[in-house]
Amino acid sequence: MPKVCDITGKKVQFGHNVSKANNKTKRKFSVNLQSVTFKSQVLNKNLKFTISTSAMRTVLKYGGIDDYLSKTRNKKLSSKVKRIQKTIQKLSLKAS
């Protein structure tokens, strides 16, 4: 399983540990990933994601997964979430 956020696409970054003597050794900066289940009101089902904690805070700030996906641009989302976003937009247009 790759260490990538399902919503934002954040992934592992690489850099250096730098000692006081300015010696550089390679290291990884891992993403803080959590398994989360969101309840979609529009789709009327649970959606399970592996997302970063910063993405989790952003979704909660918007008021849920439906509102977040309706207000976010396509290019900021991963391909898995883009498909869900399309179905949510289609169903919300039919309901209006």
Protein backbone atom coordinates (compact mmCIF):
# COMPACT_ATOMS: atom_id res chain seq x y z
CA MET A 1 0.00 0.00 0.00
CA PRO A 2 1.55 3.32 -1.02
CA LYS A 3 1.76 6.04 1.61
CA VAL A 4 -0.37 8.58 -0.26
CA CYS A 5 -3.37 10.61 0.91
CA ASP A 6 -6.52 9.62 -1.03
CA ILE A 7 -7.93 13.14 -1.08
CA THR A 8 -5.02 15.54 -1.45
CA GLY A 9 -2.39 13.24 -2.97
CA LYS A 10 0.24 14.11 -0.35
CA LYS A 11 3.06 11.58 -0.25
CA VAL A 12 6.41 10.88 1.38
CA GLN A 13 9.03 13.61 0.97
CA PHE A 14 12.78 13.21 1.17
CA GLY A 15 15.41 15.40 2.77
CA HIS A 16 18.43 15.42 5.07
CA ASN A 17 19.15 15.21 8.77
CA VAL A 18 21.71 17.93 9.38
CA SER A 19 23.98 17.55 12.39
CA LYS A 20 25.70 20.35 14.31
CA ALA A 21 28.85 19.54 12.32
CA ASN A 22 26.79 20.00 9.13
CA ASN A 23 26.91 16.30 8.19
CA LYS A 24 23.95 15.39 6.01
CA THR A 25 22.26 11.99 6.08
CA LYS A 26 19.21 11.09 4.02
CA ARG A 27 15.81 10.72 5.67
CA LYS A 28 12.10 10.48 4.86
CA PHE A 29 9.33 12.80 5.95
CA SER A 30 6.29 10.52 6.24
CA VAL A 31 2.70 11.69 5.89
CA ASN A 32 0.48 11.23 8.94
CA LEU A 33 -2.15 8.94 7.36
CA GLN A 34 -5.32 7.78 9.09
CA SER A 35 -8.10 5.42 7.96
CA VAL A 36 -11.37 7.36 8.10
CA THR A 37 -14.97 6.65 7.15
CA PHE A 38 -17.12 9.60 6.10
CA LYS A 39 -20.92 9.46 5.81
CA SER A 40 -22.13 10.93 2.52
CA GLN A 41 -25.64 12.39 2.79
CA VAL A 42 -26.05 12.72 -1.00
CA LEU A 43 -24.88 9.18 -1.87
CA ASN A 44 -26.48 7.78 1.28
CA LYS A 45 -23.52 5.51 2.04
CA ASN A 46 -20.22 5.40 3.92
CA LEU A 47 -17.01 6.31 2.10
CA LYS A 48 -13.74 4.88 3.42
CA PHE A 49 -10.49 6.77 2.79
CA THR A 50 -6.88 6.78 3.93
CA ILE A 51 -6.19 10.49 4.35
CA SER A 52 -3.72 12.81 6.02
CA THR A 53 -4.71 14.56 9.22
CA SER A 54 -4.53 17.96 7.52
CA ALA A 55 -7.04 16.75 4.90
CA MET A 56 -9.26 15.43 7.70
CA ARG A 57 -9.31 18.86 9.37
CA THR A 58 -10.13 20.51 6.04
CA VAL A 59 -13.06 18.17 5.37
CA LEU A 60 -14.43 18.79 8.87
CA LYS A 61 -13.99 22.56 8.38
CA TYR A 62 -16.16 22.43 5.24
CA GLY A 63 -18.87 20.53 7.13
CA GLY A 64 -18.52 17.04 5.65
CA ILE A 65 -17.30 15.16 2.63
CA ASP A 66 -20.20 16.26 0.40
CA ASP A 67 -19.62 19.97 0.98
CA TYR A 68 -15.86 19.60 0.65
CA LEU A 69 -16.09 17.82 -2.70
CA SER A 70 -18.67 20.25 -4.08
CA LYS A 71 -16.48 23.28 -3.26
CA THR A 72 -13.04 21.90 -4.22
CA ARG A 73 -11.50 22.11 -7.70
CA ASN A 74 -10.79 18.93 -9.68
CA LYS A 75 -7.07 19.48 -10.06
CA LYS A 76 -6.54 19.41 -6.28
CA LEU A 77 -8.12 15.95 -5.91
CA SER A 78 -6.85 12.44 -6.59
CA SER A 79 -8.42 10.31 -9.33
CA LYS A 80 -10.37 8.10 -6.89
CA VAL A 81 -12.01 11.12 -5.30
CA LYS A 82 -12.74 12.79 -8.67
CA ARG A 83 -15.11 9.94 -9.58
CA ILE A 84 -16.95 10.31 -6.28
CA GLN A 85 -17.12 14.08 -6.80
CA LYS A 86 -18.76 13.61 -10.22
CA THR A 87 -21.47 11.32 -8.85
CA ILE A 88 -22.17 13.70 -5.95
CA GLN A 89 -22.51 16.64 -8.37
CA LYS A 90 -24.86 14.68 -10.65
CA LEU A 91 -27.10 13.61 -7.76
CA SER A 92 -27.16 17.08 -6.21
CA LEU A 93 -28.21 18.61 -9.57
CA LYS A 94 -31.07 16.11 -9.88
CA ALA A 95 -32.25 16.92 -6.36
CA SER A 96 -32.29 20.68 -7.07
